[in-house]
Amino acid sequence: MFFFSTAAQAELWGYIDEKGVAHLAAERLDARYEMFYRGNDSSDSKTGFDSDKDLDSKGGVMSRSASQSQTNLKSNSKIQTYFEISPNVKSVKHHLRDAAKTHKVDFELLQALIAAESGFDPQAVSPKGAVGLMQLMPDTAKRFGVQADKQKTVVQKLTDPKININAGAKYLRVLLQMFPGNLELVLAAYNAGEGAVVKYGNKIPPYKETQNYVKTVMQTYTALKPPVFLAALTQSDSTRTTPTRVKMEIGGATVGGAVGRGNMIAPLQIYSNQAAGTSLN
């Protein structure tokens, strides 16, 4: 199981462009961004819930403030609505469900990762050559069964949502087995490569891009999962008294095996480079 808890007032801002591509950030980067998600005011170190909150009869969290609860519900519904009605998301949901079932990867995790990687643009290609929904480099895709044939190259095949999602989910499953119980390291490895995580003692590498990428996906994943589910994650291991606490912020990062390949959607790349003190050329 995975262990993490949401931070106080975790926020997710975003907008959908004219192509239906999602752009997400932890803060309002410009006037186009609206509140997509707001987390709880604070979270208990063991459960992820506020220490002075109770569960209602249906297992939901009862808010300390009715007005705050209504505000949160209103903002939270935007991220849920996007994943429910976006044509780009709806067109690949059956592939996501199939891959989630086949490779035993959480459906919501796949959604969160793709939202950060490509904004659900199946034709996305990074400046460094990462391709498709899960922004796979061709060499990574080859490791997981994508081969060229007489009709199409590996790059061309990776623009097929079914092929891309299947290969990406296979890779994610390998990382889940490599770093059991620590989703943050799984995501860091997807971003910077498993070798980088091992190099730094099974910790998130000290790359700003990778650190921001992990926060990006975790923030979105938190927004998609029910609060009771997240609490259950932190309570599942009797040997762990305090879950890893993650301050959820959106940042940019590169994925799938090497940092600095520029394969994030533009707003996340800009945010990451600003944080790292660099500029785009």
C-alpha atoms as a PDB file:
ATOM      1  CA  MET A   1       0.000   0.000   0.000  1.00  0.00           C
ATOM      2  CA  PHE A   2       1.013   3.649  -0.377  1.00  0.00           C
ATOM      3  CA  PHE A   3       1.529   6.100   2.474  1.00  0.00           C
ATOM      4  CA  PHE A   4       0.997   9.807   2.180  1.00  0.00           C
ATOM      5  CA  SER A   5      -1.237  12.500   3.585  1.00  0.00           C
ATOM      6  CA  THR A   6      -2.477  15.751   2.165  1.00  0.00           C
ATOM      7  CA  ALA A   7      -1.090  19.071   3.335  1.00  0.00           C
ATOM      8  CA  ALA A   8      -2.992  22.024   4.682  1.00  0.00           C
ATOM      9  CA  GLN A   9      -4.946  23.932   2.042  1.00  0.00           C
ATOM     10  CA  ALA A  10      -3.537  21.977  -0.879  1.00  0.00           C
ATOM     11  CA  GLU A  11      -4.783  23.746  -3.971  1.00  0.00           C
ATOM     12  CA  LEU A  12      -4.932  22.840  -7.619  1.00  0.00           C
ATOM     13  CA  TRP A  13      -5.513  25.559 -10.193  1.00  0.00           C
ATOM     14  CA  GLY A  14      -6.088  24.997 -13.866  1.00  0.00           C
ATOM     15  CA  TYR A  15      -7.752  25.719 -17.152  1.00  0.00           C
ATOM     16  CA  ILE A  16      -8.628  23.778 -20.290  1.00  0.00           C
ATOM     17  CA  ASP A  17      -7.377  25.220 -23.563  1.00  0.00           C
ATOM     18  CA  GLU A  18      -9.169  25.304 -26.901  1.00  0.00           C
ATOM     19  CA  LYS A  19      -7.809  21.858 -27.766  1.00  0.00           C
ATOM     20  CA  GLY A  20      -9.176  20.351 -24.573  1.00  0.00           C
ATOM     21  CA  VAL A  21      -5.712  20.033 -23.018  1.00  0.00           C
ATOM     22  CA  ALA A  22      -5.570  20.483 -19.242  1.00  0.00           C
ATOM     23  CA  HIS A  23      -3.088  22.932 -17.714  1.00  0.00           C
ATOM     24  CA  LEU A  24      -2.620  22.552 -13.956  1.00  0.00           C
ATOM     25  CA  ALA A  25      -0.692  24.527 -11.339  1.00  0.00           C
ATOM     26  CA  ALA A  26      -0.479  24.831  -7.565  1.00  0.00           C
ATOM     27  CA  GLU A  27      -1.015  28.561  -7.787  1.00  0.00           C
ATOM     28  CA  ARG A  28      -2.811  30.919 -10.101  1.00  0.00           C
ATOM     29  CA  LEU A  29      -0.197  31.569 -12.765  1.00  0.00           C
ATOM     30  CA  ASP A  30      -2.363  33.949 -14.783  1.00  0.00           C
ATOM     31  CA  ALA A  31      -5.971  35.050 -15.269  1.00  0.00           C
ATOM     32  CA  ARG A  32      -6.911  31.880 -17.154  1.00  0.00           C
ATOM     33  CA  TYR A  33      -6.458  29.685 -14.079  1.00  0.00           C
ATOM     34  CA  GLU A  34      -9.414  28.831 -11.851  1.00  0.00           C
ATOM     35  CA  MET A  35      -9.563  26.859  -8.615  1.00  0.00           C
ATOM     36  CA  PHE A  36      -9.868  23.176  -9.529  1.00  0.00           C
ATOM     37  CA  TYR A  37      -9.317  21.591  -6.147  1.00  0.00           C
ATOM     38  CA  ARG A  38      -8.854  22.594  -2.517  1.00  0.00           C
ATOM     39  CA  GLY A  39      -7.869  20.146   0.175  1.00  0.00           C
ATOM     40  CA  ASN A  40      -8.716  20.131   3.873  1.00  0.00           C
ATOM     41  CA  ASP A  41      -7.601  22.926   6.179  1.00  0.00           C
ATOM     42  CA  SER A  42      -5.208  20.602   7.987  1.00  0.00           C
ATOM     43  CA  SER A  43      -4.504  16.917   8.221  1.00  0.00           C
ATOM     44  CA  ASP A  44      -3.836  14.593  11.092  1.00  0.00           C
ATOM     45  CA  SER A  45      -0.415  12.965  10.979  1.00  0.00           C
ATOM     46  CA  LYS A  46      -1.872   9.458  11.194  1.00  0.00           C
ATOM     47  CA  THR A  47      -5.078   9.588   9.195  1.00  0.00           C
ATOM     48  CA  GLY A  48      -4.766  12.535   6.827  1.00  0.00           C
ATOM     49  CA  PHE A  49      -7.958  13.973   8.339  1.00  0.00           C
ATOM     50  CA  ASP A  50      -8.346  17.040  10.530  1.00  0.00           C
ATOM     51  CA  SER A  51      -7.900  15.983  14.138  1.00  0.00           C
ATOM     52  CA  ASP A  52     -11.132  17.702  15.123  1.00  0.00           C
ATOM     53  CA  LYS A  53     -13.244  16.298  12.295  1.00  0.00           C
ATOM     54  CA  ASP A  54     -15.557  13.312  12.427  1.00  0.00           C
ATOM     55  CA  LEU A  55     -16.827  10.920   9.798  1.00  0.00           C
ATOM     56  CA  ASP A  56     -20.479  11.123   8.948  1.00  0.00           C
ATOM     57  CA  SER A  57     -22.761   8.101   8.735  1.00  0.00           C
ATOM     58  CA  LYS A  58     -21.726   7.462   5.135  1.00  0.00           C
ATOM     59  CA  GLY A  59     -18.028   7.630   5.850  1.00  0.00           C
ATOM     60  CA  GLY A  60     -17.522  11.173   4.576  1.00  0.00           C
ATOM     61  CA  VAL A  61     -15.607  13.913   6.315  1.00  0.00           C
ATOM     62  CA  MET A  62     -17.703  16.434   8.244  1.00  0.00           C
ATOM     63  CA  SER A  63     -16.216  19.900   7.839  1.00  0.00           C
ATOM     64  CA  ARG A  64     -15.490  22.219  10.729  1.00  0.00           C
ATOM     65  CA  SER A  65     -17.087  25.039   8.787  1.00  0.00           C
ATOM     66  CA  ALA A  66     -20.150  24.686   6.578  1.00  0.00           C
ATOM     67  CA  SER A  67     -19.139  27.644   4.444  1.00  0.00           C
ATOM     68  CA  GLN A  68     -15.609  26.298   4.012  1.00  0.00           C
ATOM     69  CA  SER A  69     -17.052  22.926   3.076  1.00  0.00           C
ATOM     70  CA  GLN A  70     -19.253  24.483   0.420  1.00  0.00           C
ATOM     71  CA  THR A  71     -16.298  26.420  -0.980  1.00  0.00           C
ATOM     72  CA  ASN A  72     -14.199  23.289  -1.146  1.00  0.00           C
ATOM     73  CA  LEU A  73     -16.985  21.276  -2.762  1.00  0.00           C
ATOM     74  CA  LYS A  74     -17.482  23.945  -5.399  1.00  0.00           C
ATOM     75  CA  SER A  75     -13.795  24.047  -6.307  1.00  0.00           C
ATOM     76  CA  ASN A  76     -13.284  20.304  -5.997  1.00  0.00           C
ATOM     77  CA  SER A  77     -16.146  19.636  -8.395  1.00  0.00           C
ATOM     78  CA  LYS A  78     -14.210  21.331 -11.197  1.00  0.00           C
ATOM     79  CA  ILE A  79     -11.411  18.789 -11.265  1.00  0.00           C
ATOM     80  CA  GLN A  80     -13.932  15.957 -10.963  1.00  0.00           C
ATOM     81  CA  THR A  81     -16.038  17.457 -13.740  1.00  0.00           C
ATOM     82  CA  TYR A  82     -13.051  17.748 -16.046  1.00  0.00           C
ATOM     83  CA  PHE A  83     -12.203  14.065 -15.689  1.00  0.00           C
ATOM     84  CA  GLU A  84     -15.864  13.117 -16.130  1.00  0.00           C
ATOM     85  CA  ILE A  85     -16.818  15.185 -19.179  1.00  0.00           C
ATOM     86  CA  SER A  86     -13.626  16.069 -21.055  1.00  0.00           C
ATOM     87  CA  PRO A  87     -13.811  14.508 -24.544  1.00  0.00           C
ATOM     88  CA  ASN A  88     -10.062  13.881 -24.416  1.00  0.00           C
ATOM     89  CA  VAL A  89     -10.395  11.939 -21.165  1.00  0.00           C
ATOM     90  CA  LYS A  90     -13.598  10.128 -22.109  1.00  0.00           C
ATOM     91  CA  SER A  91     -12.113   8.928 -25.394  1.00  0.00           C
ATOM     92  CA  VAL A  92      -9.385   6.960 -23.597  1.00  0.00           C
ATOM     93  CA  LYS A  93     -11.106   5.880 -20.378  1.00  0.00           C
ATOM     94  CA  HIS A  94     -11.768   2.384 -21.669  1.00  0.00           C
ATOM     95  CA  HIS A  95      -8.064   2.007 -22.431  1.00  0.00           C
ATOM     96  CA  LEU A  96      -7.222   3.295 -18.953  1.00  0.00           C
ATOM     97  CA  ARG A  97      -9.585   0.845 -17.291  1.00  0.00           C
ATOM     98  CA  ASP A  98      -8.250  -2.066 -19.335  1.00  0.00           C
ATOM     99  CA  ALA A  99      -4.635  -1.174 -18.535  1.00  0.00           C
ATOM    100  CA  ALA A 100      -5.426  -0.606 -14.863  1.00  0.00           C
ATOM    101  CA  LYS A 101      -7.018  -4.044 -14.621  1.00  0.00           C
ATOM    102  CA  THR A 102      -4.399  -5.864 -16.679  1.00  0.00           C
ATOM    103  CA  HIS A 103      -1.358  -4.378 -14.969  1.00  0.00           C
ATOM    104  CA  LYS A 104      -2.896  -3.840 -11.516  1.00  0.00           C
ATOM    105  CA  VAL A 105      -2.323  -0.091 -11.505  1.00  0.00           C
ATOM    106  CA  ASP A 106      -4.828   2.256  -9.910  1.00  0.00           C
ATOM    107  CA  PHE A 107      -7.147   3.834 -12.491  1.00  0.00           C
ATOM    108  CA  GLU A 108      -7.022   7.248 -10.797  1.00  0.00           C
ATOM    109  CA  LEU A 109      -3.239   7.119 -10.661  1.00  0.00           C
ATOM    110  CA  LEU A 110      -3.068   6.631 -14.411  1.00  0.00           C
ATOM    111  CA  GLN A 111      -5.402   9.585 -14.895  1.00  0.00           C
ATOM    112  CA  ALA A 112      -3.362  11.814 -12.585  1.00  0.00           C
ATOM    113  CA  LEU A 113      -0.097  10.891 -14.265  1.00  0.00           C
ATOM    114  CA  ILE A 114      -1.419  11.517 -17.765  1.00  0.00           C
ATOM    115  CA  ALA A 115      -2.914  14.862 -16.739  1.00  0.00           C
ATOM    116  CA  ALA A 116       0.543  15.985 -15.621  1.00  0.00           C
ATOM    117  CA  GLU A 117       2.396  14.396 -18.521  1.00  0.00           C
ATOM    118  CA  SER A 118       0.415  15.459 -21.556  1.00  0.00           C
ATOM    119  CA  GLY A 119      -2.839  17.070 -20.425  1.00  0.00           C
ATOM    120  CA  PHE A 120      -4.529  14.152 -22.241  1.00  0.00           C
ATOM    121  CA  ASP A 121      -3.143  15.156 -25.629  1.00  0.00           C
ATOM    122  CA  PRO A 122      -2.369  11.864 -27.434  1.00  0.00           C
ATOM    123  CA  GLN A 123      -0.277  13.678 -30.047  1.00  0.00           C
ATOM    124  CA  ALA A 124       1.964  15.453 -27.534  1.00  0.00           C
ATOM    125  CA  VAL A 125       5.669  15.239 -28.375  1.00  0.00           C
ATOM    126  CA  SER A 126       8.282  16.850 -26.150  1.00  0.00           C
ATOM    127  CA  PRO A 127      11.304  18.753 -27.452  1.00  0.00           C
ATOM    128  CA  LYS A 128      13.426  15.799 -26.347  1.00  0.00           C
ATOM    129  CA  GLY A 129      11.251  13.181 -28.034  1.00  0.00           C
ATOM    130  CA  ALA A 130       8.878  11.826 -25.375  1.00  0.00           C
ATOM    131  CA  VAL A 131       5.634  10.845 -27.076  1.00  0.00           C
ATOM    132  CA  GLY A 132       1.929  10.569 -26.391  1.00  0.00           C
ATOM    133  CA  LEU A 133      -0.336  10.465 -23.377  1.00  0.00           C
ATOM    134  CA  MET A 134       2.203   9.026 -20.939  1.00  0.00           C
ATOM    135  CA  GLN A 135       5.145  10.796 -22.601  1.00  0.00           C
ATOM    136  CA  LEU A 136       7.239   7.713 -23.219  1.00  0.00           C
ATOM    137  CA  MET A 137      10.666   7.871 -24.789  1.00  0.00           C
ATOM    138  CA  PRO A 138      10.948   5.397 -27.690  1.00  0.00           C
ATOM    139  CA  ASP A 139      13.690   3.397 -25.947  1.00  0.00           C
ATOM    140  CA  THR A 140      11.543   3.080 -22.824  1.00  0.00           C
ATOM    141  CA  ALA A 141       8.589   1.977 -24.941  1.00  0.00           C
ATOM    142  CA  LYS A 142      10.729  -0.715 -26.575  1.00  0.00           C
ATOM    143  CA  ARG A 143      11.510  -2.112 -23.124  1.00  0.00           C
ATOM    144  CA  PHE A 144       7.807  -2.692 -22.669  1.00  0.00           C
ATOM    145  CA  GLY A 145       6.869  -4.273 -25.939  1.00  0.00           C
ATOM    146  CA  VAL A 146       6.396  -1.478 -28.458  1.00  0.00           C
ATOM    147  CA  GLN A 147       8.223  -2.468 -31.636  1.00  0.00           C
ATOM    148  CA  ALA A 148       8.404  -0.916 -35.071  1.00  0.00           C
ATOM    149  CA  ASP A 149       7.030  -2.779 -38.061  1.00  0.00           C
ATOM    150  CA  LYS A 150       6.748  -2.203 -41.797  1.00  0.00           C
ATOM    151  CA  GLN A 151       3.800   0.106 -41.350  1.00  0.00           C
ATOM    152  CA  LYS A 152       4.792   2.267 -38.355  1.00  0.00           C
ATOM    153  CA  THR A 153       7.773   3.387 -36.324  1.00  0.00           C
ATOM    154  CA  VAL A 154       7.801   3.199 -32.533  1.00  0.00           C
ATOM    155  CA  VAL A 155       7.154   6.945 -32.373  1.00  0.00           C
ATOM    156  CA  GLN A 156       4.115   6.618 -34.624  1.00  0.00           C
ATOM    157  CA  LYS A 157       2.788   3.745 -32.558  1.00  0.00           C
ATOM    158  CA  LEU A 158       3.133   5.764 -29.358  1.00  0.00           C
ATOM    159  CA  THR A 159       0.560   8.248 -30.614  1.00  0.00           C
ATOM    160  CA  ASP A 160      -1.986   5.419 -30.418  1.00  0.00           C
ATOM    161  CA  PRO A 161      -3.618   5.847 -26.973  1.00  0.00           C
ATOM    162  CA  LYS A 162      -4.084   2.112 -26.429  1.00  0.00           C
ATOM    163  CA  ILE A 163      -0.446   1.285 -27.173  1.00  0.00           C
ATOM    164  CA  ASN A 164       0.884   4.245 -25.209  1.00  0.00           C
ATOM    165  CA  ILE A 165      -1.232   3.603 -22.122  1.00  0.00           C
ATOM    166  CA  ASN A 166      -0.489  -0.110 -22.124  1.00  0.00           C
ATOM    167  CA  ALA A 167       3.278   0.433 -22.319  1.00  0.00           C
ATOM    168  CA  GLY A 168       3.184   3.209 -19.732  1.00  0.00           C
ATOM    169  CA  ALA A 169       1.112   1.130 -17.325  1.00  0.00           C
ATOM    170  CA  LYS A 170       3.556  -1.783 -17.731  1.00  0.00           C
ATOM    171  CA  TYR A 171       6.406   0.529 -16.815  1.00  0.00           C
ATOM    172  CA  LEU A 172       4.490   1.889 -13.841  1.00  0.00           C
ATOM    173  CA  ARG A 173       3.778  -1.650 -12.597  1.00  0.00           C
ATOM    174  CA  VAL A 174       7.498  -2.493 -12.705  1.00  0.00           C
ATOM    175  CA  LEU A 175       8.240   0.625 -10.662  1.00  0.00           C
ATOM    176  CA  LEU A 176       5.495  -0.222  -8.164  1.00  0.00           C
ATOM    177  CA  GLN A 177       7.166  -3.577  -7.627  1.00  0.00           C
ATOM    178  CA  MET A 178      10.605  -2.002  -7.416  1.00  0.00           C
ATOM    179  CA  PHE A 179       9.577   0.554  -4.775  1.00  0.00           C
ATOM    180  CA  PRO A 180       6.734  -1.170  -2.885  1.00  0.00           C
ATOM    181  CA  GLY A 181       4.722   0.980  -0.520  1.00  0.00           C
ATOM    182  CA  ASN A 182       6.194   4.308  -1.625  1.00  0.00           C
ATOM    183  CA  LEU A 183       4.291   6.005  -4.399  1.00  0.00           C
ATOM    184  CA  GLU A 184       6.509   9.075  -4.233  1.00  0.00           C
ATOM    185  CA  LEU A 185       9.548   7.011  -5.201  1.00  0.00           C
ATOM    186  CA  VAL A 186       7.565   5.302  -7.957  1.00  0.00           C
ATOM    187  CA  LEU A 187       6.728   8.680  -9.466  1.00  0.00           C
ATOM    188  CA  ALA A 188      10.262   9.964  -8.982  1.00  0.00           C
ATOM    189  CA  ALA A 189      11.554   6.911 -10.836  1.00  0.00           C
ATOM    190  CA  TYR A 190       9.050   7.401 -13.659  1.00  0.00           C
ATOM    191  CA  ASN A 191      10.370  10.938 -13.935  1.00  0.00           C
ATOM    192  CA  ALA A 192      14.103  10.682 -13.383  1.00  0.00           C
ATOM    193  CA  GLY A 193      14.709   6.981 -13.925  1.00  0.00           C
ATOM    194  CA  GLU A 194      14.929   4.193 -11.407  1.00  0.00           C
ATOM    195  CA  GLY A 195      18.710   4.473 -11.403  1.00  0.00           C
ATOM    196  CA  ALA A 196      18.548   8.034 -10.097  1.00  0.00           C
ATOM    197  CA  VAL A 197      16.314   7.014  -7.189  1.00  0.00           C
ATOM    198  CA  VAL A 198      18.659   4.172  -6.249  1.00  0.00           C
ATOM    199  CA  LYS A 199      21.687   6.460  -6.610  1.00  0.00           C
ATOM    200  CA  TYR A 200      20.288   8.792  -3.966  1.00  0.00           C
ATOM    201  CA  GLY A 201      19.597   6.057  -1.453  1.00  0.00           C
ATOM    202  CA  ASN A 202      16.004   5.300  -2.432  1.00  0.00           C
ATOM    203  CA  LYS A 203      14.993   8.896  -1.943  1.00  0.00           C
ATOM    204  CA  ILE A 204      13.526  11.447  -4.320  1.00  0.00           C
ATOM    205  CA  PRO A 205      16.520  12.793  -6.278  1.00  0.00           C
ATOM    206  CA  PRO A 206      17.474  16.413  -5.540  1.00  0.00           C
ATOM    207  CA  TYR A 207      16.271  17.571  -8.932  1.00  0.00           C
ATOM    208  CA  LYS A 208      13.779  20.418  -8.788  1.00  0.00           C
ATOM    209  CA  GLU A 209      11.983  19.053 -11.828  1.00  0.00           C
ATOM    210  CA  THR A 210      11.536  15.640 -10.243  1.00  0.00           C
ATOM    211  CA  GLN A 211      10.451  17.036  -6.887  1.00  0.00           C
ATOM    212  CA  ASN A 212       7.846  19.214  -8.587  1.00  0.00           C
ATOM    213  CA  TYR A 213       6.707  16.353 -10.792  1.00  0.00           C
ATOM    214  CA  VAL A 214       6.060  14.095  -7.799  1.00  0.00           C
ATOM    215  CA  LYS A 215       4.024  16.850  -6.162  1.00  0.00           C
ATOM    216  CA  THR A 216       2.100  17.422  -9.394  1.00  0.00           C
ATOM    217  CA  VAL A 217       0.894  13.868  -9.724  1.00  0.00           C
ATOM    218  CA  MET A 218       0.274  13.384  -6.004  1.00  0.00           C
ATOM    219  CA  GLN A 219      -1.836  16.544  -5.882  1.00  0.00           C
ATOM    220  CA  THR A 220      -4.003  15.454  -8.785  1.00  0.00           C
ATOM    221  CA  TYR A 221      -4.255  11.887  -7.489  1.00  0.00           C
ATOM    222  CA  THR A 222      -5.389  13.220  -4.107  1.00  0.00           C
ATOM    223  CA  ALA A 223      -8.080  15.264  -5.841  1.00  0.00           C
ATOM    224  CA  LEU A 224      -9.378  12.166  -7.632  1.00  0.00           C
ATOM    225  CA  LYS A 225      -9.440   9.746  -4.696  1.00  0.00           C
ATOM    226  CA  PRO A 226     -12.159   9.772  -2.000  1.00  0.00           C
ATOM    227  CA  PRO A 227     -10.929  11.152   1.376  1.00  0.00           C
ATOM    228  CA  VAL A 228     -11.849   7.925   3.156  1.00  0.00           C
ATOM    229  CA  PHE A 229      -9.667   5.968   0.718  1.00  0.00           C
ATOM    230  CA  LEU A 230      -6.720   8.250   1.386  1.00  0.00           C
ATOM    231  CA  ALA A 231      -7.209   7.851   5.130  1.00  0.00           C
ATOM    232  CA  ALA A 232      -7.297   4.086   4.744  1.00  0.00           C
ATOM    233  CA  LEU A 233      -3.957   4.186   2.965  1.00  0.00           C
ATOM    234  CA  THR A 234      -2.311   5.844   5.940  1.00  0.00           C
ATOM    235  CA  GLN A 235      -3.864   3.358   8.379  1.00  0.00           C
ATOM    236  CA  SER A 236      -3.051   0.148   6.533  1.00  0.00           C
ATOM    237  CA  ASP A 237       0.369  -0.640   7.999  1.00  0.00           C
ATOM    238  CA  SER A 238       0.393  -1.211  11.747  1.00  0.00           C
ATOM    239  CA  THR A 239       4.165  -0.818  11.795  1.00  0.00           C
ATOM    240  CA  ARG A 240       4.017   2.722  10.462  1.00  0.00           C
ATOM    241  CA  THR A 241       2.924   5.328  13.013  1.00  0.00           C
ATOM    242  CA  THR A 242       3.334   8.446  10.904  1.00  0.00           C
ATOM    243  CA  PRO A 243       2.797   8.520   7.150  1.00  0.00           C
ATOM    244  CA  THR A 244       5.002  10.448   4.810  1.00  0.00           C
ATOM    245  CA  ARG A 245       3.689  14.002   4.701  1.00  0.00           C
ATOM    246  CA  VAL A 246       3.642  15.583   1.292  1.00  0.00           C
ATOM    247  CA  LYS A 247       3.137  19.267   0.696  1.00  0.00           C
ATOM    248  CA  MET A 248       1.089  19.220  -2.468  1.00  0.00           C
ATOM    249  CA  GLU A 249       2.231  21.757  -5.017  1.00  0.00           C
ATOM    250  CA  ILE A 250       2.145  21.648  -8.774  1.00  0.00           C
ATOM    251  CA  GLY A 251       5.417  21.927 -10.547  1.00  0.00           C
ATOM    252  CA  GLY A 252       6.877  20.706 -13.773  1.00  0.00           C
ATOM    253  CA  ALA A 253       9.168  17.805 -14.454  1.00  0.00           C
ATOM    254  CA  THR A 254      10.403  15.446 -17.052  1.00  0.00           C
ATOM    255  CA  VAL A 255       9.484  11.811 -17.050  1.00  0.00           C
ATOM    256  CA  GLY A 256      10.293   8.276 -17.973  1.00  0.00           C
ATOM    257  CA  GLY A 257      14.005   7.932 -17.415  1.00  0.00           C
ATOM    258  CA  ALA A 258      15.931  11.214 -17.696  1.00  0.00           C
ATOM    259  CA  VAL A 259      15.583  14.681 -16.266  1.00  0.00           C
ATOM    260  CA  GLY A 260      15.767  17.713 -18.527  1.00  0.00           C
ATOM    261  CA  ARG A 261      14.163  16.274 -21.635  1.00  0.00           C
ATOM    262  CA  GLY A 262      11.475  18.932 -21.688  1.00  0.00           C
ATOM    263  CA  ASN A 263       8.552  16.590 -22.104  1.00  0.00           C
ATOM    264  CA  MET A 264       5.989  18.378 -19.977  1.00  0.00           C
ATOM    265  CA  ILE A 265       3.237  20.598 -21.234  1.00  0.00           C
ATOM    266  CA  ALA A 266       4.378  24.213 -21.440  1.00  0.00           C
ATOM    267  CA  PRO A 267       2.907  25.759 -18.245  1.00  0.00           C
ATOM    268  CA  LEU A 268       4.484  23.045 -16.086  1.00  0.00           C
ATOM    269  CA  GLN A 269       7.835  23.441 -17.840  1.00  0.00           C
ATOM    270  CA  ILE A 270       7.779  27.194 -17.211  1.00  0.00           C
ATOM    271  CA  TYR A 271       6.830  26.720 -13.573  1.00  0.00           C
ATOM    272  CA  SER A 272       9.634  24.207 -13.088  1.00  0.00           C
ATOM    273  CA  ASN A 273      12.282  26.343 -14.729  1.00  0.00           C
ATOM    274  CA  GLN A 274      11.221  29.373 -12.709  1.00  0.00           C
ATOM    275  CA  ALA A 275      11.610  27.332  -9.545  1.00  0.00           C
ATOM    276  CA  ALA A 276      14.992  26.076 -10.669  1.00  0.00           C
ATOM    277  CA  GLY A 277      16.167  29.552 -11.649  1.00  0.00           C
ATOM    278  CA  THR A 278      16.514  28.701 -15.332  1.00  0.00           C
ATOM    279  CA  SER A 279      14.812  29.941 -18.462  1.00  0.00           C
ATOM    280  CA  LEU A 280      13.474  28.319 -21.584  1.00  0.00           C
ATOM    281  CA  ASN A 281      15.335  28.855 -24.817  1.00  0.00           C
END
